[in-house]
Amino acid sequence: MRRLVKLTAVAGTAAAAAVLVPGVAAAAGAGQIDVCNYSSHGAYVSFPWRDHMRSSTVPSGNICVRFDFGGDGSWEQVDVVYADNPDRYIGSLGYSAPRGAEVAVYDNDQYSVRN
């Protein structure tokens, strides 16, 4: 079972909307992105077209966090990033607020998206 913890966007950084523990829970809803980190790096998502507004960093260790980003329904680019020093871009996905999205991050610059 996954457990949710609500967060909001603050000063350009989205506060975690929910901490999800591995298991099955409701899919991300409208305006939400679930970031599940199965890598050995910290990871976050960023909106380059929203002045790089980003989620907080999801630590390594099979942790999932739900973020509320909202949106106007138009398609937006979302970047997936390892939170290393320096941060490392690993890819992008298309996001539309009415659909929400789920992003799983793995080692070796791999990630998967469900939206």
N, C-alpha and C. Protein backbone atom coordinates (compact mmCIF):
# COMPACT_ATOMS: atom_id res chain seq x y z
N MET A 1 0.84 -1.16 0.00
CA MET A 1 0.00 0.00 0.00
C MET A 1 0.89 1.23 0.00
N ARG A 2 0.48 2.26 -0.74
CA ARG A 2 1.22 3.51 -0.76
C ARG A 2 0.50 4.49 0.16
N ARG A 3 1.27 5.27 0.87
CA ARG A 3 0.74 6.26 1.79
C ARG A 3 0.99 7.63 1.20
N LEU A 4 0.00 8.49 1.19
CA LEU A 4 0.11 9.81 0.57
C LEU A 4 0.31 10.90 1.61
N VAL A 5 1.15 11.89 1.25
CA VAL A 5 1.39 13.06 2.09
C VAL A 5 1.33 14.29 1.21
N LYS A 6 0.43 15.20 1.46
CA LYS A 6 0.15 16.34 0.58
C LYS A 6 1.19 17.45 0.70
N LEU A 7 1.64 18.00 -0.47
CA LEU A 7 2.54 19.15 -0.51
C LEU A 7 2.03 20.16 -1.53
N THR A 8 2.52 21.35 -1.48
CA THR A 8 2.09 22.39 -2.41
C THR A 8 3.30 23.10 -3.00
N ALA A 9 3.09 23.91 -4.03
CA ALA A 9 4.20 24.65 -4.65
C ALA A 9 4.53 25.86 -3.80
N VAL A 10 5.82 26.03 -3.51
CA VAL A 10 6.27 27.15 -2.68
C VAL A 10 7.51 27.78 -3.32
N ALA A 11 7.46 29.03 -3.63
CA ALA A 11 8.61 29.78 -4.17
C ALA A 11 9.32 29.02 -5.27
N GLY A 12 8.57 28.53 -6.25
CA GLY A 12 9.19 27.86 -7.39
C GLY A 12 9.52 26.41 -7.15
N THR A 13 9.35 25.91 -5.96
CA THR A 13 9.59 24.50 -5.68
C THR A 13 8.31 23.89 -5.15
N ALA A 14 7.87 22.82 -5.77
CA ALA A 14 6.65 22.16 -5.30
C ALA A 14 6.99 21.37 -4.06
N ALA A 15 6.27 21.58 -3.04
CA ALA A 15 6.45 20.79 -1.83
C ALA A 15 5.78 19.45 -2.10
N ALA A 16 6.32 18.40 -1.56
CA ALA A 16 5.78 17.07 -1.84
C ALA A 16 4.31 17.01 -1.50
N ALA A 17 3.54 16.44 -2.37
CA ALA A 17 2.12 16.33 -2.13
C ALA A 17 1.82 15.09 -1.33
N ALA A 18 2.61 14.08 -1.49
CA ALA A 18 2.34 12.85 -0.78
C ALA A 18 3.55 11.95 -0.82
N VAL A 19 3.83 11.35 0.31
CA VAL A 19 4.88 10.34 0.32
C VAL A 19 4.20 9.02 0.11
N LEU A 20 4.66 8.27 -0.88
CA LEU A 20 4.05 7.01 -1.22
C LEU A 20 5.01 5.88 -0.88
N VAL A 21 4.53 4.92 -0.16
CA VAL A 21 5.33 3.76 0.15
C VAL A 21 5.07 2.72 -0.92
N PRO A 22 6.09 1.92 -1.33
CA PRO A 22 5.87 0.95 -2.41
C PRO A 22 4.59 0.14 -2.20
N GLY A 23 3.90 -0.10 -3.27
CA GLY A 23 2.65 -0.84 -3.24
C GLY A 23 1.71 -0.24 -4.26
N VAL A 24 0.45 -0.50 -4.11
CA VAL A 24 -0.51 -0.01 -5.10
C VAL A 24 -1.45 0.99 -4.44
N ALA A 25 -1.60 2.12 -5.06
CA ALA A 25 -2.55 3.14 -4.60
C ALA A 25 -3.17 3.77 -5.83
N ALA A 26 -4.04 4.71 -5.61
CA ALA A 26 -4.68 5.38 -6.74
C ALA A 26 -3.63 6.05 -7.60
N ALA A 27 -3.86 6.03 -8.90
CA ALA A 27 -2.95 6.68 -9.85
C ALA A 27 -2.98 8.19 -9.64
N ALA A 28 -1.93 8.85 -10.09
CA ALA A 28 -1.88 10.31 -10.03
C ALA A 28 -3.09 10.88 -10.74
N GLY A 29 -3.71 11.86 -10.13
CA GLY A 29 -4.90 12.46 -10.70
C GLY A 29 -4.58 13.75 -11.44
N ALA A 30 -5.60 14.46 -11.79
CA ALA A 30 -5.45 15.73 -12.51
C ALA A 30 -4.53 16.66 -11.74
N GLY A 31 -3.54 17.23 -12.43
CA GLY A 31 -2.63 18.18 -11.83
C GLY A 31 -1.53 17.58 -10.97
N GLN A 32 -1.44 16.26 -10.93
CA GLN A 32 -0.47 15.60 -10.06
C GLN A 32 0.58 14.84 -10.86
N ILE A 33 1.78 14.76 -10.29
CA ILE A 33 2.84 13.90 -10.82
C ILE A 33 3.39 13.08 -9.67
N ASP A 34 3.38 11.76 -9.83
CA ASP A 34 4.03 10.86 -8.88
C ASP A 34 5.45 10.63 -9.37
N VAL A 35 6.43 10.84 -8.50
CA VAL A 35 7.83 10.55 -8.82
C VAL A 35 8.25 9.39 -7.92
N CYS A 36 8.55 8.24 -8.53
CA CYS A 36 9.01 7.07 -7.79
C CYS A 36 10.48 6.87 -8.11
N ASN A 37 11.31 6.89 -7.09
CA ASN A 37 12.75 6.83 -7.29
C ASN A 37 13.30 5.47 -6.87
N TYR A 38 13.70 4.69 -7.87
CA TYR A 38 14.29 3.37 -7.64
C TYR A 38 15.78 3.39 -7.94
N SER A 39 16.35 4.58 -8.06
CA SER A 39 17.77 4.71 -8.41
C SER A 39 18.61 4.90 -7.15
N SER A 40 19.91 4.98 -7.34
CA SER A 40 20.82 5.25 -6.22
C SER A 40 21.14 6.74 -6.13
N HIS A 41 20.41 7.57 -6.87
CA HIS A 41 20.56 9.02 -6.87
C HIS A 41 19.30 9.65 -6.29
N GLY A 42 19.39 10.88 -5.81
CA GLY A 42 18.18 11.66 -5.57
C GLY A 42 17.63 12.03 -6.95
N ALA A 43 16.35 12.32 -7.05
CA ALA A 43 15.76 12.67 -8.35
C ALA A 43 14.64 13.69 -8.14
N TYR A 44 14.41 14.51 -9.19
CA TYR A 44 13.31 15.45 -9.16
C TYR A 44 12.83 15.71 -10.58
N VAL A 45 11.66 16.35 -10.69
CA VAL A 45 11.14 16.78 -11.99
C VAL A 45 11.09 18.30 -11.99
N SER A 46 11.26 18.87 -13.19
CA SER A 46 11.33 20.32 -13.35
C SER A 46 10.52 20.74 -14.57
N PHE A 47 9.89 21.91 -14.48
CA PHE A 47 9.12 22.48 -15.59
C PHE A 47 9.92 23.62 -16.21
N PRO A 48 10.65 23.38 -17.29
CA PRO A 48 11.46 24.45 -17.88
C PRO A 48 10.63 25.62 -18.37
N TRP A 49 9.38 25.41 -18.77
CA TRP A 49 8.55 26.49 -19.28
C TRP A 49 7.84 27.24 -18.16
N ARG A 50 8.02 26.78 -16.93
CA ARG A 50 7.47 27.50 -15.77
C ARG A 50 8.63 28.06 -14.96
N ASP A 51 9.59 28.62 -15.64
CA ASP A 51 10.77 29.21 -15.01
C ASP A 51 11.48 28.18 -14.12
N HIS A 52 11.51 26.95 -14.60
CA HIS A 52 12.19 25.83 -13.94
C HIS A 52 11.62 25.50 -12.56
N MET A 53 10.32 25.75 -12.37
CA MET A 53 9.69 25.28 -11.14
C MET A 53 9.95 23.79 -11.04
N ARG A 54 10.23 23.30 -9.85
CA ARG A 54 10.59 21.90 -9.70
C ARG A 54 10.00 21.30 -8.43
N SER A 55 10.02 19.98 -8.40
CA SER A 55 9.61 19.27 -7.20
C SER A 55 10.75 19.31 -6.20
N SER A 56 10.48 18.94 -4.98
CA SER A 56 11.57 18.70 -4.06
C SER A 56 12.27 17.41 -4.49
N THR A 57 13.44 17.16 -3.97
CA THR A 57 14.21 15.97 -4.34
C THR A 57 13.62 14.74 -3.66
N VAL A 58 13.38 13.70 -4.45
CA VAL A 58 12.92 12.42 -3.91
C VAL A 58 14.18 11.60 -3.65
N PRO A 59 14.44 11.21 -2.41
CA PRO A 59 15.66 10.47 -2.11
C PRO A 59 15.66 9.08 -2.73
N SER A 60 16.85 8.51 -2.86
CA SER A 60 16.96 7.15 -3.37
C SER A 60 16.35 6.19 -2.35
N GLY A 61 16.03 4.98 -2.79
CA GLY A 61 15.55 3.98 -1.84
C GLY A 61 14.11 3.56 -2.04
N ASN A 62 13.65 3.43 -3.27
CA ASN A 62 12.29 2.95 -3.54
C ASN A 62 11.23 3.81 -2.88
N ILE A 63 11.35 5.12 -3.05
CA ILE A 63 10.42 6.06 -2.45
C ILE A 63 9.63 6.75 -3.55
N CYS A 64 8.33 6.89 -3.33
CA CYS A 64 7.46 7.59 -4.27
C CYS A 64 6.85 8.79 -3.57
N VAL A 65 6.80 9.91 -4.29
CA VAL A 65 6.21 11.13 -3.73
C VAL A 65 5.26 11.72 -4.77
N ARG A 66 4.11 12.17 -4.32
CA ARG A 66 3.11 12.80 -5.20
C ARG A 66 3.22 14.31 -5.04
N PHE A 67 3.27 14.99 -6.19
CA PHE A 67 3.36 16.45 -6.20
C PHE A 67 2.15 17.02 -6.92
N ASP A 68 1.61 18.11 -6.38
CA ASP A 68 0.51 18.84 -7.02
C ASP A 68 1.09 20.01 -7.79
N PHE A 69 1.03 19.95 -9.12
CA PHE A 69 1.56 21.01 -9.96
C PHE A 69 0.47 21.80 -10.67
N GLY A 70 -0.73 21.26 -10.74
CA GLY A 70 -1.79 21.96 -11.44
C GLY A 70 -1.45 22.15 -12.91
N GLY A 71 -1.96 23.20 -13.51
CA GLY A 71 -1.73 23.48 -14.92
C GLY A 71 -3.03 23.88 -15.58
N ASP A 72 -2.90 24.46 -16.78
CA ASP A 72 -4.07 24.96 -17.47
C ASP A 72 -4.63 23.99 -18.50
N GLY A 73 -4.06 22.79 -18.58
CA GLY A 73 -4.56 21.79 -19.53
C GLY A 73 -3.75 21.70 -20.79
N SER A 74 -2.86 22.67 -21.02
CA SER A 74 -2.02 22.59 -22.22
C SER A 74 -0.86 21.63 -21.98
N TRP A 75 -0.28 21.14 -23.06
CA TRP A 75 0.86 20.23 -22.97
C TRP A 75 2.07 21.00 -22.49
N GLU A 76 2.84 20.39 -21.59
CA GLU A 76 4.07 21.02 -21.08
C GLU A 76 5.19 20.00 -21.05
N GLN A 77 6.41 20.49 -21.20
CA GLN A 77 7.58 19.64 -21.04
C GLN A 77 7.94 19.56 -19.57
N VAL A 78 8.25 18.35 -19.11
CA VAL A 78 8.74 18.13 -17.75
C VAL A 78 10.06 17.39 -17.88
N ASP A 79 11.11 17.91 -17.23
CA ASP A 79 12.41 17.27 -17.27
C ASP A 79 12.59 16.38 -16.04
N VAL A 80 13.25 15.25 -16.24
CA VAL A 80 13.58 14.32 -15.17
C VAL A 80 15.07 14.47 -14.91
N VAL A 81 15.44 14.67 -13.62
CA VAL A 81 16.81 15.04 -13.28
C VAL A 81 17.31 14.24 -12.08
N TYR A 82 18.56 13.76 -12.18
CA TYR A 82 19.24 13.21 -11.00
C TYR A 82 19.73 14.39 -10.17
N ALA A 83 19.48 14.36 -8.87
CA ALA A 83 19.93 15.43 -7.97
C ALA A 83 21.34 15.11 -7.48
N ASP A 84 22.29 15.18 -8.39
CA ASP A 84 23.69 14.95 -8.06
C ASP A 84 24.37 16.31 -7.94
N ASN A 85 25.65 16.31 -7.73
CA ASN A 85 26.39 17.56 -7.68
C ASN A 85 27.45 17.53 -8.76
N PRO A 86 27.23 18.07 -9.95
CA PRO A 86 26.04 18.86 -10.33
C PRO A 86 24.87 17.96 -10.72
N ASP A 87 23.66 18.56 -10.75
CA ASP A 87 22.47 17.83 -11.19
C ASP A 87 22.68 17.33 -12.62
N ARG A 88 22.02 16.21 -12.95
CA ARG A 88 22.19 15.63 -14.29
C ARG A 88 20.84 15.34 -14.92
N TYR A 89 20.59 15.98 -16.06
CA TYR A 89 19.37 15.77 -16.84
C TYR A 89 19.38 14.36 -17.41
N ILE A 90 18.25 13.63 -17.26
CA ILE A 90 18.20 12.28 -17.85
C ILE A 90 17.11 12.13 -18.91
N GLY A 91 16.20 13.07 -19.02
CA GLY A 91 15.19 12.98 -20.07
C GLY A 91 14.01 13.88 -19.81
N SER A 92 13.04 13.84 -20.72
CA SER A 92 11.85 14.69 -20.62
C SER A 92 10.60 13.88 -20.91
N LEU A 93 9.47 14.42 -20.48
CA LEU A 93 8.18 13.81 -20.76
C LEU A 93 7.19 14.91 -21.04
N GLY A 94 6.10 14.55 -21.69
CA GLY A 94 5.01 15.48 -21.92
C GLY A 94 3.99 15.35 -20.79
N TYR A 95 3.54 16.47 -20.27
CA TYR A 95 2.60 16.50 -19.14
C TYR A 95 1.40 17.36 -19.52
N SER A 96 0.23 16.87 -19.21
CA SER A 96 -1.00 17.63 -19.36
C SER A 96 -1.77 17.50 -18.05
N ALA A 97 -2.04 18.62 -17.42
CA ALA A 97 -2.64 18.61 -16.08
C ALA A 97 -3.91 17.77 -15.96
N PRO A 98 -4.81 17.75 -16.95
CA PRO A 98 -6.02 16.95 -16.78
C PRO A 98 -5.73 15.45 -16.64
N ARG A 99 -4.58 14.99 -17.11
CA ARG A 99 -4.25 13.57 -17.06
C ARG A 99 -3.33 13.20 -15.91
N GLY A 100 -2.48 14.11 -15.45
CA GLY A 100 -1.49 13.77 -14.45
C GLY A 100 -0.44 12.85 -15.05
N ALA A 101 0.53 12.40 -14.24
CA ALA A 101 1.59 11.52 -14.75
C ALA A 101 2.26 10.79 -13.60
N GLU A 102 2.85 9.66 -13.94
CA GLU A 102 3.66 8.89 -13.00
C GLU A 102 5.02 8.68 -13.64
N VAL A 103 6.08 9.01 -12.92
CA VAL A 103 7.45 8.88 -13.42
C VAL A 103 8.21 7.96 -12.48
N ALA A 104 8.83 6.92 -13.04
CA ALA A 104 9.70 6.03 -12.26
C ALA A 104 11.13 6.26 -12.73
N VAL A 105 12.04 6.50 -11.79
CA VAL A 105 13.43 6.81 -12.10
C VAL A 105 14.30 5.64 -11.64
N TYR A 106 15.22 5.23 -12.54
CA TYR A 106 16.11 4.10 -12.29
C TYR A 106 17.56 4.55 -12.50
N ASP A 107 18.50 3.70 -12.17
CA ASP A 107 19.91 3.96 -12.45
C ASP A 107 20.18 3.92 -13.95
N ASN A 108 21.38 4.27 -14.34
CA ASN A 108 21.84 4.23 -15.73
C ASN A 108 21.03 5.13 -16.65
N ASP A 109 20.62 6.30 -16.15
CA ASP A 109 19.88 7.29 -16.95
C ASP A 109 18.59 6.74 -17.53
N GLN A 110 17.93 5.85 -16.82
CA GLN A 110 16.68 5.24 -17.28
C GLN A 110 15.51 5.77 -16.47
N TYR A 111 14.38 5.95 -17.14
CA TYR A 111 13.14 6.32 -16.46
C TYR A 111 11.98 5.85 -17.31
N SER A 112 10.82 5.73 -16.69
CA SER A 112 9.62 5.36 -17.43
C SER A 112 8.50 6.32 -17.02
N VAL A 113 7.53 6.47 -17.92
CA VAL A 113 6.44 7.41 -17.71
C VAL A 113 5.12 6.71 -17.99
N ARG A 114 4.15 7.01 -17.14
CA ARG A 114 2.77 6.57 -17.39
C ARG A 114 1.89 7.79 -17.21
N ASN A 115 1.17 8.15 -18.29
CA ASN A 115 0.24 9.28 -18.17
C ASN A 115 -0.94 9.09 -19.09
